[in-house]
């Protein structure tokens, strides 16, 4: 059985540090900050730690339906999603992830873009 990225990079402890750093950067971005107004950020970081662990092959599980449902009210556009991906990539780089592994995690994230980005005219 192949080792998952989740295990290779230290499990929940490391993923939690990555996600905390990521949200610090997201909240510094004028375009992304409004999406988190009124959000309990400790709860958000806990939830997203599980999601990023899932993207890295960890034990958490998320269905497409769940991902789509929790983002439906946010009106996330393509530009905001792209900005988030850039910040996420930079965060992974700064946490010394291998470029191939970063590509794999970013690929998992972007494969779910259709579940998050608001469709034009909807």
Protein backbone atom coordinates (compact mmCIF):
# COMPACT_ATOMS: atom_id res chain seq x y z
CA UNK A 1 0.00 0.00 0.00
CA UNK A 2 1.44 3.35 -1.05
CA UNK A 3 2.07 6.00 1.56
CA UNK A 4 -0.40 8.89 1.32
CA UNK A 5 0.69 12.51 1.16
CA UNK A 6 -1.24 12.94 4.39
CA UNK A 7 1.06 10.47 6.18
CA UNK A 8 4.22 11.59 4.37
CA UNK A 9 3.77 15.19 5.52
CA UNK A 10 2.99 14.44 9.15
CA UNK A 11 -0.75 13.87 9.43
CA UNK A 12 -3.22 16.19 11.09
CA UNK A 13 -0.59 18.13 13.06
CA UNK A 14 1.17 19.32 9.90
CA UNK A 15 -2.02 19.80 7.89
CA UNK A 16 -3.46 21.92 10.70
CA UNK A 17 -0.40 24.22 10.61
CA UNK A 18 -0.70 24.52 6.82
CA UNK A 19 -4.40 25.34 7.00
CA UNK A 20 -3.93 27.89 9.80
CA UNK A 21 -1.23 29.63 7.78
CA UNK A 22 -3.39 29.48 4.65
CA UNK A 23 -6.34 31.17 6.36
CA UNK A 24 -4.08 33.89 7.75
CA UNK A 25 -3.14 34.65 4.14
CA UNK A 26 -6.74 34.37 2.88
CA UNK A 27 -7.94 36.85 5.50
CA UNK A 28 -5.21 39.28 4.39
CA UNK A 29 -6.64 39.24 0.85
CA UNK A 30 -9.17 42.03 0.25
CA UNK A 31 -11.07 39.97 -2.32
CA UNK A 32 -11.38 36.80 -0.23
CA UNK A 33 -11.83 38.27 3.26
CA UNK A 34 -15.56 39.10 2.72
CA UNK A 35 -16.37 35.41 2.21
CA UNK A 36 -15.41 34.82 5.86
CA UNK A 37 -17.25 37.70 7.52
CA UNK A 38 -19.02 36.33 10.58
CA UNK A 39 -17.40 32.88 10.22
CA UNK A 40 -16.07 31.15 13.33
CA UNK A 41 -12.51 30.78 12.05
CA UNK A 42 -11.45 28.12 14.57
CA UNK A 43 -14.32 25.97 13.37
CA UNK A 44 -13.48 26.81 9.75
CA UNK A 45 -9.83 25.87 10.23
CA UNK A 46 -10.82 22.61 11.93
CA UNK A 47 -13.20 21.74 9.10
CA UNK A 48 -10.72 22.71 6.38
CA UNK A 49 -7.95 20.75 8.07
CA UNK A 50 -10.10 17.66 7.56
CA UNK A 51 -10.80 18.67 3.95
CA UNK A 52 -7.13 19.27 3.10
CA UNK A 53 -6.28 15.98 4.82
CA UNK A 54 -8.87 14.36 2.55
CA UNK A 55 -7.26 15.98 -0.52
CA UNK A 56 -3.95 14.49 0.65
CA UNK A 57 -5.34 10.97 1.02
CA UNK A 58 -6.12 11.20 4.72
CA UNK A 59 -8.97 9.59 6.65
CA UNK A 60 -11.66 12.27 6.25
CA UNK A 61 -14.34 11.91 3.61
CA UNK A 62 -16.36 14.53 1.72
CA UNK A 63 -19.03 13.95 -0.90
CA UNK A 64 -19.51 16.17 -3.93
CA UNK A 65 -23.00 16.95 -2.66
CA UNK A 66 -21.67 18.16 0.68
CA UNK A 67 -19.01 20.36 -0.92
CA UNK A 68 -21.55 21.89 -3.30
CA UNK A 69 -24.15 22.46 -0.57
CA UNK A 70 -21.83 24.29 1.85
CA UNK A 71 -20.58 26.64 -0.88
CA UNK A 72 -23.88 27.29 -2.69
CA UNK A 73 -24.74 30.48 -0.79
CA UNK A 74 -21.31 32.10 -1.21
CA UNK A 75 -21.46 33.24 -4.85
CA UNK A 76 -17.79 32.32 -5.40
CA UNK A 77 -16.67 33.41 -8.85
CA UNK A 78 -13.82 32.06 -11.00
CA UNK A 79 -11.46 34.88 -10.04
CA UNK A 80 -11.94 34.32 -6.31
CA UNK A 81 -11.40 30.59 -6.72
CA UNK A 82 -8.23 31.21 -8.74
CA UNK A 83 -6.89 33.60 -6.08
CA UNK A 84 -7.57 31.01 -3.39
CA UNK A 85 -5.68 28.37 -5.39
CA UNK A 86 -2.67 30.68 -5.80
CA UNK A 87 -2.60 31.38 -2.06
CA UNK A 88 -2.98 27.68 -1.29
CA UNK A 89 -0.11 26.78 -3.64
CA UNK A 90 2.14 29.44 -2.06
CA UNK A 91 1.27 28.15 1.40
CA UNK A 92 2.13 24.56 0.44
CA UNK A 93 5.42 25.75 -1.07
CA UNK A 94 6.27 27.67 2.11
CA UNK A 95 5.62 24.50 4.12
CA UNK A 96 8.25 22.69 2.06
CA UNK A 97 6.01 20.37 0.09
CA UNK A 98 7.56 18.80 -2.98
CA UNK A 99 6.40 20.40 -6.26
CA UNK A 100 4.99 17.10 -7.56
CA UNK A 101 3.01 16.66 -4.34
CA UNK A 102 1.77 20.25 -4.51
CA UNK A 103 0.59 19.58 -8.05
CA UNK A 104 -1.31 16.52 -6.86
CA UNK A 105 -3.05 18.39 -4.01
CA UNK A 106 -3.86 21.38 -6.23
CA UNK A 107 -5.20 18.96 -8.84
CA UNK A 108 -7.52 17.41 -6.24
CA UNK A 109 -8.72 20.86 -5.23
CA UNK A 110 -9.28 22.18 -8.74
CA UNK A 111 -11.10 19.01 -9.77
CA UNK A 112 -13.83 20.17 -7.37
CA UNK A 113 -14.04 23.72 -8.75
CA UNK A 114 -17.38 22.98 -10.42
CA UNK A 115 -18.83 22.29 -6.97
CA UNK A 116 -17.70 25.63 -5.54
CA UNK A 117 -17.75 28.25 -8.29
CA UNK A 118 -21.08 29.96 -8.93
CA UNK A 119 -22.30 29.33 -12.43
CA UNK A 120 -22.97 32.46 -14.51
CA UNK A 121 -26.65 33.33 -14.60
CA UNK A 122 -27.57 31.00 -11.74
